C-alpha atoms as a PDB file:
ATOM      1  CA  UNK A   1     126.278 113.388  86.759  1.00  0.00           C
ATOM      2  CA  UNK A   2     124.943 116.341  88.931  1.00  0.00           C
ATOM      3  CA  UNK A   3     122.787 118.758  87.466  1.00  0.00           C
ATOM      4  CA  UNK A   4     123.413 122.498  89.824  1.00  0.00           C
ATOM      5  CA  UNK A   5     125.456 120.750  91.673  1.00  0.00           C
ATOM      6  CA  UNK A   6     126.528 123.513  93.735  1.00  0.00           C
ATOM      7  CA  UNK A   7     122.963 123.405  95.351  1.00  0.00           C
ATOM      8  CA  UNK A   8     121.818 123.190  98.667  1.00  0.00           C
ATOM      9  CA  UNK A   9     121.041 119.575  98.143  1.00  0.00           C
ATOM     10  CA  UNK A  10     123.419 118.577  95.859  1.00  0.00           C
ATOM     11  CA  UNK A  11     126.352 119.615  97.462  1.00  0.00           C
ATOM     12  CA  UNK A  12     125.529 117.434  99.813  1.00  0.00           C
ATOM     13  CA  UNK A  13     125.189 114.561  97.551  1.00  0.00           C
ATOM     14  CA  UNK A  14     128.060 115.457  95.282  1.00  0.00           C
ATOM     15  CA  UNK A  15     130.240 114.834  99.062  1.00  0.00           C
ATOM     16  CA  UNK A  16     128.421 111.715  99.765  1.00  0.00           C
ATOM     17  CA  UNK A  17     129.318 110.773  96.148  1.00  0.00           C
ATOM     18  CA  UNK A  18     132.760 111.829  96.599  1.00  0.00           C
ATOM     19  CA  UNK A  19     133.292 110.176  99.775  1.00  0.00           C
ATOM     20  CA  UNK A  20     132.441 107.198  98.043  1.00  0.00           C
ATOM     21  CA  UNK A  21     135.239 107.111  95.928  1.00  0.00           C
ATOM     22  CA  UNK A  22     132.856 108.230  92.952  1.00  0.00           C
ATOM     23  CA  UNK A  23     134.411 110.536  89.538  1.00  0.00           C
ATOM     24  CA  UNK A  24     131.066 113.312  89.825  1.00  0.00           C
ATOM     25  CA  UNK A  25     130.745 115.189  86.685  1.00  0.00           C
ATOM     26  CA  UNK A  26     129.654 118.564  88.401  1.00  0.00           C
ATOM     27  CA  UNK A  27     127.060 120.671  85.720  1.00  0.00           C
ATOM     28  CA  UNK A  28     127.152 123.972  86.979  1.00  0.00           C
ATOM     29  CA  UNK A  29     125.709 126.859  85.341  1.00  0.00           C
ATOM     30  CA  UNK A  30     129.114 128.842  85.755  1.00  0.00           C
ATOM     31  CA  UNK A  31     132.184 126.449  86.339  1.00  0.00           C
ATOM     32  CA  UNK A  32     134.573 129.776  86.958  1.00  0.00           C
ATOM     33  CA  UNK A  33     132.652 131.132  89.833  1.00  0.00           C
ATOM     34  CA  UNK A  34     134.544 130.304  92.287  1.00  0.00           C
ATOM     35  CA  UNK A  35     132.281 131.508  95.188  1.00  0.00           C
ATOM     36  CA  UNK A  36     129.964 129.256  94.265  1.00  0.00           C
ATOM     37  CA  UNK A  37     132.201 125.858  93.709  1.00  0.00           C
ATOM     38  CA  UNK A  38     135.083 126.131  95.624  1.00  0.00           C
ATOM     39  CA  UNK A  39     133.177 124.267  98.589  1.00  0.00           C
ATOM     40  CA  UNK A  40     132.979 121.241  95.965  1.00  0.00           C
ATOM     41  CA  UNK A  41     136.505 121.383  95.311  1.00  0.00           C
ATOM     42  CA  UNK A  42     137.691 121.434  98.827  1.00  0.00           C
ATOM     43  CA  UNK A  43     135.193 118.489  99.365  1.00  0.00           C
ATOM     44  CA  UNK A  44     136.807 117.002  96.713  1.00  0.00           C
ATOM     45  CA  UNK A  45     140.282 117.284  97.550  1.00  0.00           C
ATOM     46  CA  UNK A  46     139.373 115.396 101.149  1.00  0.00           C
ATOM     47  CA  UNK A  47     137.733 112.507  99.591  1.00  0.00           C
ATOM     48  CA  UNK A  48     138.808 109.361  97.606  1.00  0.00           C
ATOM     49  CA  UNK A  49     136.490 110.589  94.806  1.00  0.00           C
ATOM     50  CA  UNK A  50     137.378 113.105  92.121  1.00  0.00           C
ATOM     51  CA  UNK A  51     135.421 116.368  90.523  1.00  0.00           C
ATOM     52  CA  UNK A  52     134.858 117.293  87.089  1.00  0.00           C
ATOM     53  CA  UNK A  53     133.048 120.782  86.513  1.00  0.00           C
ATOM     54  CA  UNK A  54     130.609 121.073  82.851  1.00  0.00           C
ATOM     55  CA  UNK A  55     128.940 124.085  82.189  1.00  0.00           C
ATOM     56  CA  UNK A  56     125.126 123.516  81.799  1.00  0.00           C
ATOM     57  CA  UNK A  57     121.982 125.602  81.571  1.00  0.00           C
ATOM     58  CA  UNK A  58     118.584 124.593  82.495  1.00  0.00           C
ATOM     59  CA  UNK A  59     117.019 126.805  79.001  1.00  0.00           C
ATOM     60  CA  UNK A  60     119.670 125.893  76.413  1.00  0.00           C
ATOM     61  CA  UNK A  61     119.143 122.599  74.803  1.00  0.00           C
ATOM     62  CA  UNK A  62     121.837 119.885  74.898  1.00  0.00           C
ATOM     63  CA  UNK A  63     123.806 122.181  77.281  1.00  0.00           C
ATOM     64  CA  UNK A  64     123.891 118.807  79.844  1.00  0.00           C
ATOM     65  CA  UNK A  65     125.646 116.563  77.085  1.00  0.00           C
ATOM     66  CA  UNK A  66     129.106 116.657  77.369  1.00  0.00           C
ATOM     67  CA  UNK A  67     128.915 116.706  81.124  1.00  0.00           C
ATOM     68  CA  UNK A  68     126.673 113.324  80.452  1.00  0.00           C
ATOM     69  CA  UNK A  69     128.886 111.577  78.508  1.00  0.00           C
ATOM     70  CA  UNK A  70     130.504 108.572  79.892  1.00  0.00           C
ATOM     71  CA  UNK A  71     128.134 108.493  83.054  1.00  0.00           C
ATOM     72  CA  UNK A  72     125.935 105.490  83.851  1.00  0.00           C
ATOM     73  CA  UNK A  73     123.699 107.484  86.192  1.00  0.00           C
ATOM     74  CA  UNK A  74     122.078 111.246  85.918  1.00  0.00           C
ATOM     75  CA  UNK A  75     121.429 113.431  88.747  1.00  0.00           C
ATOM     76  CA  UNK A  76     119.190 116.147  88.193  1.00  0.00           C
ATOM     77  CA  UNK A  77     118.755 118.178  91.097  1.00  0.00           C
ATOM     78  CA  UNK A  78     119.093 121.354  89.491  1.00  0.00           C
ATOM     79  CA  UNK A  79     115.645 123.518  89.528  1.00  0.00           C
ATOM     80  CA  UNK A  80     115.028 127.262  91.231  1.00  0.00           C
ATOM     81  CA  UNK A  81     113.147 127.496  94.424  1.00  0.00           C
ATOM     82  CA  UNK A  82     112.060 130.714  95.429  1.00  0.00           C
ATOM     83  CA  UNK A  83     108.634 132.287  95.926  1.00  0.00           C
ATOM     84  CA  UNK A  84     109.348 135.750  95.161  1.00  0.00           C
ATOM     85  CA  UNK A  85     109.055 135.732  91.433  1.00  0.00           C
ATOM     86  CA  UNK A  86     107.552 138.692  89.258  1.00  0.00           C
ATOM     87  CA  UNK A  87     107.135 136.353  86.295  1.00  0.00           C
ATOM     88  CA  UNK A  88     105.780 132.547  87.459  1.00  0.00           C
ATOM     89  CA  UNK A  89     105.597 131.047  83.721  1.00  0.00           C
ATOM     90  CA  UNK A  90     109.428 132.975  83.080  1.00  0.00           C
ATOM     91  CA  UNK A  91     110.954 132.422  86.630  1.00  0.00           C
ATOM     92  CA  UNK A  92     109.450 128.839  87.798  1.00  0.00           C
ATOM     93  CA  UNK A  93     107.739 127.074  85.190  1.00  0.00           C
ATOM     94  CA  UNK A  94     109.670 127.442  82.002  1.00  0.00           C
ATOM     95  CA  UNK A  95     112.753 126.393  83.726  1.00  0.00           C
ATOM     96  CA  UNK A  96     111.629 123.549  85.484  1.00  0.00           C
ATOM     97  CA  UNK A  97     110.098 122.251  82.692  1.00  0.00           C
ATOM     98  CA  UNK A  98     112.092 122.547  80.435  1.00  0.00           C
ATOM     99  CA  UNK A  99     115.467 122.153  82.070  1.00  0.00           C
ATOM    100  CA  UNK A 100     113.426 118.858  82.857  1.00  0.00           C
ATOM    101  CA  UNK A 101     112.555 117.919  79.589  1.00  0.00           C
ATOM    102  CA  UNK A 102     116.413 118.912  78.433  1.00  0.00           C
ATOM    103  CA  UNK A 103     118.119 116.739  80.969  1.00  0.00           C
ATOM    104  CA  UNK A 104     115.981 113.846  80.125  1.00  0.00           C
ATOM    105  CA  UNK A 105     116.148 113.798  76.064  1.00  0.00           C
ATOM    106  CA  UNK A 106     119.597 114.235  76.873  1.00  0.00           C
ATOM    107  CA  UNK A 107     119.651 111.051  78.978  1.00  0.00           C
ATOM    108  CA  UNK A 108     118.435 109.323  75.631  1.00  0.00           C
ATOM    109  CA  UNK A 109     121.390 110.461  73.137  1.00  0.00           C
ATOM    110  CA  UNK A 110     123.955 109.214  75.406  1.00  0.00           C
ATOM    111  CA  UNK A 111     123.798 105.416  75.115  1.00  0.00           C
ATOM    112  CA  UNK A 112     126.203 105.072  78.743  1.00  0.00           C
ATOM    113  CA  UNK A 113     122.979 106.114  80.840  1.00  0.00           C
ATOM    114  CA  UNK A 114     120.974 103.224  82.576  1.00  0.00           C
ATOM    115  CA  UNK A 115     119.280 105.674  85.179  1.00  0.00           C
ATOM    116  CA  UNK A 116     117.868 109.010  86.028  1.00  0.00           C
ATOM    117  CA  UNK A 117     117.273 110.523  89.844  1.00  0.00           C
ATOM    118  CA  UNK A 118     114.760 113.383  89.373  1.00  0.00           C
ATOM    119  CA  UNK A 119     114.710 115.962  92.504  1.00  0.00           C
ATOM    120  CA  UNK A 120     111.119 116.515  92.505  1.00  0.00           C
ATOM    121  CA  UNK A 121     109.033 117.831  95.539  1.00  0.00           C
ATOM    122  CA  UNK A 122     106.231 116.990  97.721  1.00  0.00           C
ATOM    123  CA  UNK A 123     104.847 120.056  96.116  1.00  0.00           C
ATOM    124  CA  UNK A 124     104.035 117.960  93.178  1.00  0.00           C
ATOM    125  CA  UNK A 125     101.969 115.945  95.572  1.00  0.00           C
ATOM    126  CA  UNK A 126     100.223 118.631  97.327  1.00  0.00           C
ATOM    127  CA  UNK A 127      99.474 122.596  96.991  1.00  0.00           C
ATOM    128  CA  UNK A 128      97.870 123.423 100.951  1.00  0.00           C
ATOM    129  CA  UNK A 129      98.138 121.398 104.127  1.00  0.00           C
ATOM    130  CA  UNK A 130      94.505 120.706 104.205  1.00  0.00           C
ATOM    131  CA  UNK A 131      95.325 118.380 100.522  1.00  0.00           C
ATOM    132  CA  UNK A 132      97.186 116.141 103.332  1.00  0.00           C
ATOM    133  CA  UNK A 133      94.582 115.068 105.502  1.00  0.00           C
ATOM    134  CA  UNK A 134      91.844 115.137 102.764  1.00  0.00           C
ATOM    135  CA  UNK A 135      94.018 112.828 100.599  1.00  0.00           C
ATOM    136  CA  UNK A 136      92.885 109.011 100.541  1.00  0.00           C
ATOM    137  CA  UNK A 137      93.631 107.567 104.110  1.00  0.00           C
ATOM    138  CA  UNK A 138      94.341 111.088 105.455  1.00  0.00           C
ATOM    139  CA  UNK A 139      98.046 110.946 104.682  1.00  0.00           C
ATOM    140  CA  UNK A 140      99.613 111.807 101.412  1.00  0.00           C
ATOM    141  CA  UNK A 141     101.498 108.916  99.526  1.00  0.00           C
ATOM    142  CA  UNK A 142     103.041 108.751  96.227  1.00  0.00           C
ATOM    143  CA  UNK A 143      99.783 107.796  94.385  1.00  0.00           C
ATOM    144  CA  UNK A 144      98.659 111.366  95.046  1.00  0.00           C
ATOM    145  CA  UNK A 145      99.341 114.600  92.442  1.00  0.00           C
ATOM    146  CA  UNK A 146      98.701 118.011  93.231  1.00  0.00           C
ATOM    147  CA  UNK A 147      95.468 119.416  91.683  1.00  0.00           C
ATOM    148  CA  UNK A 148      95.059 122.725  92.696  1.00  0.00           C
ATOM    149  CA  UNK A 149      98.241 124.687  92.088  1.00  0.00           C
ATOM    150  CA  UNK A 150      98.490 127.063  89.772  1.00  0.00           C
ATOM    151  CA  UNK A 151     100.364 129.935  87.718  1.00  0.00           C
ATOM    152  CA  UNK A 152      98.045 132.305  89.910  1.00  0.00           C
ATOM    153  CA  UNK A 153      98.105 130.365  93.267  1.00  0.00           C
ATOM    154  CA  UNK A 154     101.372 128.244  94.523  1.00  0.00           C
ATOM    155  CA  UNK A 155     103.236 128.463  90.947  1.00  0.00           C
ATOM    156  CA  UNK A 156     106.071 126.856  93.114  1.00  0.00           C
ATOM    157  CA  UNK A 157     104.270 123.813  93.460  1.00  0.00           C
ATOM    158  CA  UNK A 158     102.586 123.803  89.864  1.00  0.00           C
ATOM    159  CA  UNK A 159     105.978 124.178  88.377  1.00  0.00           C
ATOM    160  CA  UNK A 160     107.291 121.432  90.482  1.00  0.00           C
ATOM    161  CA  UNK A 161     103.912 119.076  89.401  1.00  0.00           C
ATOM    162  CA  UNK A 162     104.204 119.739  86.032  1.00  0.00           C
ATOM    163  CA  UNK A 163     108.061 119.511  85.788  1.00  0.00           C
ATOM    164  CA  UNK A 164     107.934 116.025  87.131  1.00  0.00           C
ATOM    165  CA  UNK A 165     105.002 115.185  84.791  1.00  0.00           C
ATOM    166  CA  UNK A 166     107.132 115.910  81.876  1.00  0.00           C
ATOM    167  CA  UNK A 167     109.603 113.512  83.801  1.00  0.00           C
ATOM    168  CA  UNK A 168     107.627 110.759  83.731  1.00  0.00           C
ATOM    169  CA  UNK A 169     106.361 111.581  80.541  1.00  0.00           C
ATOM    170  CA  UNK A 170     109.662 111.412  78.634  1.00  0.00           C
ATOM    171  CA  UNK A 171     110.771 108.250  81.345  1.00  0.00           C
ATOM    172  CA  UNK A 172     107.967 106.083  79.674  1.00  0.00           C
ATOM    173  CA  UNK A 173     108.269 106.968  76.216  1.00  0.00           C
ATOM    174  CA  UNK A 174     111.807 104.914  76.047  1.00  0.00           C
ATOM    175  CA  UNK A 175     113.518 102.125  77.581  1.00  0.00           C
ATOM    176  CA  UNK A 176     117.070 102.717  77.828  1.00  0.00           C
ATOM    177  CA  UNK A 177     117.158 104.074  80.960  1.00  0.00           C
ATOM    178  CA  UNK A 178     114.970 103.946  84.478  1.00  0.00           C
ATOM    179  CA  UNK A 179     114.295 106.696  86.454  1.00  0.00           C
ATOM    180  CA  UNK A 180     113.248 107.384  90.278  1.00  0.00           C
ATOM    181  CA  UNK A 181     112.424 111.060  91.360  1.00  0.00           C
ATOM    182  CA  UNK A 182     112.748 111.821  95.143  1.00  0.00           C
ATOM    183  CA  UNK A 183     110.195 113.710  96.588  1.00  0.00           C
ATOM    184  CA  UNK A 184     111.317 116.473  99.959  1.00  0.00           C
ATOM    185  CA  UNK A 185     108.898 118.099 101.603  1.00  0.00           C
ATOM    186  CA  UNK A 186     110.303 121.358 103.556  1.00  0.00           C
ATOM    187  CA  UNK A 187     114.420 120.599 103.361  1.00  0.00           C
ATOM    188  CA  UNK A 188     116.511 122.147 106.837  1.00  0.00           C
ATOM    189  CA  UNK A 189     119.550 121.553 107.985  1.00  0.00           C
ATOM    190  CA  UNK A 190     123.278 123.154 107.517  1.00  0.00           C
ATOM    191  CA  UNK A 191     123.846 124.471 103.790  1.00  0.00           C
ATOM    192  CA  UNK A 192     127.531 123.491 102.925  1.00  0.00           C
ATOM    193  CA  UNK A 193     128.062 126.951 101.192  1.00  0.00           C
ATOM    194  CA  UNK A 194     125.891 129.290 103.342  1.00  0.00           C
ATOM    195  CA  UNK A 195     126.607 132.718 101.794  1.00  0.00           C
ATOM    196  CA  UNK A 196     125.747 131.205  98.407  1.00  0.00           C
ATOM    197  CA  UNK A 197     122.767 129.401  99.401  1.00  0.00           C
ATOM    198  CA  UNK A 198     119.349 130.852  98.137  1.00  0.00           C
ATOM    199  CA  UNK A 199     117.060 128.258  99.459  1.00  0.00           C
ATOM    200  CA  UNK A 200     113.821 129.482 100.450  1.00  0.00           C
ATOM    201  CA  UNK A 201     114.370 127.735 104.079  1.00  0.00           C
ATOM    202  CA  UNK A 202     117.334 129.823 104.959  1.00  0.00           C
ATOM    203  CA  UNK A 203     114.745 132.564 104.376  1.00  0.00           C
ATOM    204  CA  UNK A 204     112.712 131.647 107.085  1.00  0.00           C
ATOM    205  CA  UNK A 205     115.819 131.020 109.311  1.00  0.00           C
ATOM    206  CA  UNK A 206     116.965 134.218 109.309  1.00  0.00           C
ATOM    207  CA  UNK A 207     113.153 135.538 109.478  1.00  0.00           C
ATOM    208  CA  UNK A 208     113.582 133.043 112.620  1.00  0.00           C
ATOM    209  CA  UNK A 209     116.670 134.642 114.261  1.00  0.00           C
ATOM    210  CA  UNK A 210     116.129 138.375 112.995  1.00  0.00           C
ATOM    211  CA  UNK A 211     112.720 138.439 115.188  1.00  0.00           C
ATOM    212  CA  UNK A 212     110.210 139.126 112.382  1.00  0.00           C
ATOM    213  CA  UNK A 213     108.346 136.177 113.959  1.00  0.00           C
ATOM    214  CA  UNK A 214     108.863 137.010 117.871  1.00  0.00           C
ATOM    215  CA  UNK A 215     105.452 138.208 118.452  1.00  0.00           C
ATOM    216  CA  UNK A 216     104.350 134.765 117.489  1.00  0.00           C
ATOM    217  CA  UNK A 217     104.542 132.143 114.233  1.00  0.00           C
ATOM    218  CA  UNK A 218     102.061 130.544 111.878  1.00  0.00           C
ATOM    219  CA  UNK A 219     100.910 126.720 113.188  1.00  0.00           C
ATOM    220  CA  UNK A 220     100.913 126.476 109.484  1.00  0.00           C
ATOM    221  CA  UNK A 221     101.711 122.594 108.783  1.00  0.00           C
ATOM    222  CA  UNK A 222     104.994 121.159 107.342  1.00  0.00           C
ATOM    223  CA  UNK A 223     106.597 118.231 106.194  1.00  0.00           C
ATOM    224  CA  UNK A 224     110.496 118.466 107.420  1.00  0.00           C
ATOM    225  CA  UNK A 225     113.497 116.731 106.668  1.00  0.00           C
ATOM    226  CA  UNK A 226     116.896 117.025 106.749  1.00  0.00           C
ATOM    227  CA  UNK A 227     119.203 118.163 103.931  1.00  0.00           C
ATOM    228  CA  UNK A 228     121.795 115.298 104.847  1.00  0.00           C
ATOM    229  CA  UNK A 229     119.242 112.686 104.509  1.00  0.00           C
ATOM    230  CA  UNK A 230     117.636 113.993 101.242  1.00  0.00           C
ATOM    231  CA  UNK A 231     121.357 113.303  99.954  1.00  0.00           C
ATOM    232  CA  UNK A 232     121.578 109.696 101.679  1.00  0.00           C
ATOM    233  CA  UNK A 233     118.147 109.676  99.424  1.00  0.00           C
ATOM    234  CA  UNK A 234     119.018 110.236  96.304  1.00  0.00           C
ATOM    235  CA  UNK A 235     122.212 108.436  96.611  1.00  0.00           C
ATOM    236  CA  UNK A 236     120.404 105.700  97.655  1.00  0.00           C
ATOM    237  CA  UNK A 237     118.122 105.967  94.296  1.00  0.00           C
ATOM    238  CA  UNK A 238     120.607 105.385  92.415  1.00  0.00           C
ATOM    239  CA  UNK A 239     122.421 102.575  93.731  1.00  0.00           C
ATOM    240  CA  UNK A 240     119.736 100.133  94.635  1.00  0.00           C
ATOM    241  CA  UNK A 241     118.151  98.665  91.665  1.00  0.00           C
ATOM    242  CA  UNK A 242     115.488  97.588  92.983  1.00  0.00           C
ATOM    243  CA  UNK A 243     114.746 101.170  93.442  1.00  0.00           C
ATOM    244  CA  UNK A 244     111.272 102.544  91.596  1.00  0.00           C
ATOM    245  CA  UNK A 245     108.922 105.325  91.029  1.00  0.00           C
ATOM    246  CA  UNK A 246     108.622 108.184  93.492  1.00  0.00           C
ATOM    247  CA  UNK A 247     109.841 108.678  97.209  1.00  0.00           C
ATOM    248  CA  UNK A 248     108.114 110.959  99.762  1.00  0.00           C
ATOM    249  CA  UNK A 249     111.220 112.073 101.631  1.00  0.00           C
ATOM    250  CA  UNK A 250     109.726 113.370 104.994  1.00  0.00           C
ATOM    251  CA  UNK A 251     111.109 112.891 108.511  1.00  0.00           C
ATOM    252  CA  UNK A 252     108.598 114.690 110.817  1.00  0.00           C
ATOM    253  CA  UNK A 253     104.874 116.278 110.862  1.00  0.00           C
ATOM    254  CA  UNK A 254     105.325 119.402 112.060  1.00  0.00           C
ATOM    255  CA  UNK A 255     104.447 122.952 111.408  1.00  0.00           C
ATOM    256  CA  UNK A 256     106.470 126.942 111.820  1.00  0.00           C
ATOM    257  CA  UNK A 257     105.649 126.960 115.087  1.00  0.00           C
ATOM    258  CA  UNK A 258     107.404 123.826 116.480  1.00  0.00           C
ATOM    259  CA  UNK A 259     110.933 124.307 114.048  1.00  0.00           C
ATOM    260  CA  UNK A 260     111.225 127.403 115.806  1.00  0.00           C
ATOM    261  CA  UNK A 261     110.518 126.439 119.322  1.00  0.00           C
ATOM    262  CA  UNK A 262     112.884 123.305 119.081  1.00  0.00           C
ATOM    263  CA  UNK A 263     115.589 126.161 119.051  1.00  0.00           C
ATOM    264  CA  UNK A 264     114.845 127.970 122.338  1.00  0.00           C
ATOM    265  CA  UNK A 265     116.344 125.472 124.600  1.00  0.00           C
ATOM    266  CA  UNK A 266     119.866 126.256 123.104  1.00  0.00           C
ATOM    267  CA  UNK A 267     119.095 129.870 121.439  1.00  0.00           C
ATOM    268  CA  UNK A 268     116.398 131.219 123.591  1.00  0.00           C
ATOM    269  CA  UNK A 269     118.038 133.854 125.359  1.00  0.00           C
ATOM    270  CA  UNK A 270     120.065 135.163 122.808  1.00  0.00           C
ATOM    271  CA  UNK A 271     117.572 135.483 119.972  1.00  0.00           C
ATOM    272  CA  UNK A 272     113.976 136.683 119.472  1.00  0.00           C
ATOM    273  CA  UNK A 273     112.412 132.939 118.696  1.00  0.00           C
ATOM    274  CA  UNK A 274     108.341 132.944 118.516  1.00  0.00           C
ATOM    275  CA  UNK A 275     107.177 131.345 121.820  1.00  0.00           C
ATOM    276  CA  UNK A 276     103.461 131.194 121.079  1.00  0.00           C
ATOM    277  CA  UNK A 277     101.265 130.500 117.665  1.00  0.00           C
ATOM    278  CA  UNK A 278      99.811 133.690 115.987  1.00  0.00           C
ATOM    279  CA  UNK A 279      95.956 133.135 115.958  1.00  0.00           C
ATOM    280  CA  UNK A 280      94.343 132.476 112.721  1.00  0.00           C
ATOM    281  CA  UNK A 281      91.659 135.353 112.749  1.00  0.00           C
ATOM    282  CA  UNK A 282      94.749 137.778 112.991  1.00  0.00           C
ATOM    283  CA  UNK A 283      96.197 136.258 109.844  1.00  0.00           C
ATOM    284  CA  UNK A 284      93.367 136.536 107.761  1.00  0.00           C
ATOM    285  CA  UNK A 285      93.459 140.061 108.607  1.00  0.00           C
ATOM    286  CA  UNK A 286      97.266 140.853 108.581  1.00  0.00           C
ATOM    287  CA  UNK A 287      98.183 138.346 106.278  1.00  0.00           C
ATOM    288  CA  UNK A 288      97.834 139.530 102.848  1.00  0.00           C
ATOM    289  CA  UNK A 289      99.560 142.826 103.851  1.00  0.00           C
ATOM    290  CA  UNK A 290     101.631 141.610 105.986  1.00  0.00           C
ATOM    291  CA  UNK A 291     103.133 139.377 102.794  1.00  0.00           C
ATOM    292  CA  UNK A 292     101.079 138.675  99.136  1.00  0.00           C
ATOM    293  CA  UNK A 293     101.542 134.957  99.740  1.00  0.00           C
ATOM    294  CA  UNK A 294      99.955 135.049 102.815  1.00  0.00           C
ATOM    295  CA  UNK A 295      96.496 135.209 101.094  1.00  0.00           C
ATOM    296  CA  UNK A 296      92.862 134.096 102.723  1.00  0.00           C
ATOM    297  CA  UNK A 297      92.581 131.302 100.862  1.00  0.00           C
ATOM    298  CA  UNK A 298      96.140 130.370 101.963  1.00  0.00           C
ATOM    299  CA  UNK A 299      95.737 130.898 105.744  1.00  0.00           C
ATOM    300  CA  UNK A 300      92.465 129.067 105.417  1.00  0.00           C
ATOM    301  CA  UNK A 301      94.165 126.231 103.615  1.00  0.00           C
ATOM    302  CA  UNK A 302      97.531 125.917 105.981  1.00  0.00           C
ATOM    303  CA  UNK A 303      97.157 127.653 109.168  1.00  0.00           C
ATOM    304  CA  UNK A 304      96.088 125.511 112.097  1.00  0.00           C
ATOM    305  CA  UNK A 305      95.938 122.474 109.657  1.00  0.00           C
ATOM    306  CA  UNK A 306      98.155 119.541 110.334  1.00  0.00           C
ATOM    307  CA  UNK A 307     100.395 118.227 107.551  1.00  0.00           C
ATOM    308  CA  UNK A 308      99.776 114.403 107.235  1.00  0.00           C
ATOM    309  CA  UNK A 309     102.597 112.063 105.057  1.00  0.00           C
ATOM    310  CA  UNK A 310     103.469 108.887 104.223  1.00  0.00           C
ATOM    311  CA  UNK A 311     107.099 107.641 104.457  1.00  0.00           C
ATOM    312  CA  UNK A 312     106.686 104.012 104.635  1.00  0.00           C
ATOM    313  CA  UNK A 313     107.963 103.295 101.167  1.00  0.00           C
ATOM    314  CA  UNK A 314     111.340 105.099 101.283  1.00  0.00           C
ATOM    315  CA  UNK A 315     111.707 103.579 104.258  1.00  0.00           C
ATOM    316  CA  UNK A 316     111.212 100.528 103.148  1.00  0.00           C
ATOM    317  CA  UNK A 317     113.036 100.329  99.932  1.00  0.00           C
ATOM    318  CA  UNK A 318     115.806 102.228 100.891  1.00  0.00           C
ATOM    319  CA  UNK A 319     115.968 101.860 104.639  1.00  0.00           C
ATOM    320  CA  UNK A 320     115.804 105.256 104.997  1.00  0.00           C
ATOM    321  CA  UNK A 321     116.422 106.555 108.609  1.00  0.00           C
ATOM    322  CA  UNK A 322     116.259 110.002 109.464  1.00  0.00           C
ATOM    323  CA  UNK A 323     117.782 112.627 111.411  1.00  0.00           C
ATOM    324  CA  UNK A 324     115.839 114.345 114.566  1.00  0.00           C
ATOM    325  CA  UNK A 325     114.110 117.910 114.197  1.00  0.00           C
ATOM    326  CA  UNK A 326     116.329 119.187 116.619  1.00  0.00           C
ATOM    327  CA  UNK A 327     119.614 118.284 115.426  1.00  0.00           C
ATOM    328  CA  UNK A 328     118.052 119.075 112.334  1.00  0.00           C
ATOM    329  CA  UNK A 329     116.953 122.756 113.106  1.00  0.00           C
ATOM    330  CA  UNK A 330     120.175 123.389 115.541  1.00  0.00           C
ATOM    331  CA  UNK A 331     122.617 122.463 113.040  1.00  0.00           C
ATOM    332  CA  UNK A 332     121.116 125.071 110.193  1.00  0.00           C
ATOM    333  CA  UNK A 333     121.120 127.447 112.610  1.00  0.00           C
ATOM    334  CA  UNK A 334     124.489 127.142 113.868  1.00  0.00           C
ATOM    335  CA  UNK A 335     125.434 126.894 110.210  1.00  0.00           C
ATOM    336  CA  UNK A 336     124.161 130.232 109.128  1.00  0.00           C
ATOM    337  CA  UNK A 337     125.496 131.702 112.834  1.00  0.00           C
ATOM    338  CA  UNK A 338     128.928 130.707 112.299  1.00  0.00           C
ATOM    339  CA  UNK A 339     128.980 132.117 108.662  1.00  0.00           C
ATOM    340  CA  UNK A 340     127.361 135.832 109.708  1.00  0.00           C
ATOM    341  CA  UNK A 341     124.114 135.154 107.863  1.00  0.00           C
ATOM    342  CA  UNK A 342     122.179 135.395 110.963  1.00  0.00           C
END
């Protein structure tokens, strides 16, 4: 079973599962919304596997039970990824934490379930880029937890931290199934359903293509990974018996300027892509006026600060190899141009 099966990462995971000839129970908010699930039906019609749709609501207790019946493996990918919220508790924390609780407590009531793979995030490991270089050994590892996010500062990261902690608490309180978490950093790559994808990374690509950053991009440290690699990591976490614990899923230590710059060789003459870094002092002044998330604290802790993470565990345990940054970014941009999003 895959929760939020029509999501950005989940769609690629469903594609992989179908290609492997697996029957997927796809839990979505509205199984009758063709605009959001037709791409999954099409994937199923062209593959060896089979797909069945079920209604599931993160905030409705027991709503995933029907979808879970008969499944050995549960992927819990459903969680909101948006930074534009009015009420972070209601829009981010509640769906993330209560949704995790609903899915995992249901897993304990369905006798067939043997493993649960939870989509967490590197946001559950760190708040700001500066935390990554201040981590023990100067790099994030799976042993590190986010301790600086709150409802008022980086609430998305706060929601992911609370949700993953709740998941481990439930997992450790039972013995029927084991749990693995995938902790991706910033996910780019082509969406399978571009017009319906709500991931924050699509907004950044729109800004790059639309000229919002033509005067320059903040050199803000981020980890980057391809959505196709994140889906593959989920698949391997489910089907590798020895997989255990958390997995930082990261391909490149990068920044906003670099992810824009790698597009320039192909698109530089057609789109107003950034060519230089915005100075930190300027961002300290205009950042808070231009975007409420760009507070002075945020700018201080992220701009001109490198992002550092250790992906040794996922390479060793799951045999992961990652796509090049340029392929990830060019394929992302191509997909959005073809569908008119950019």
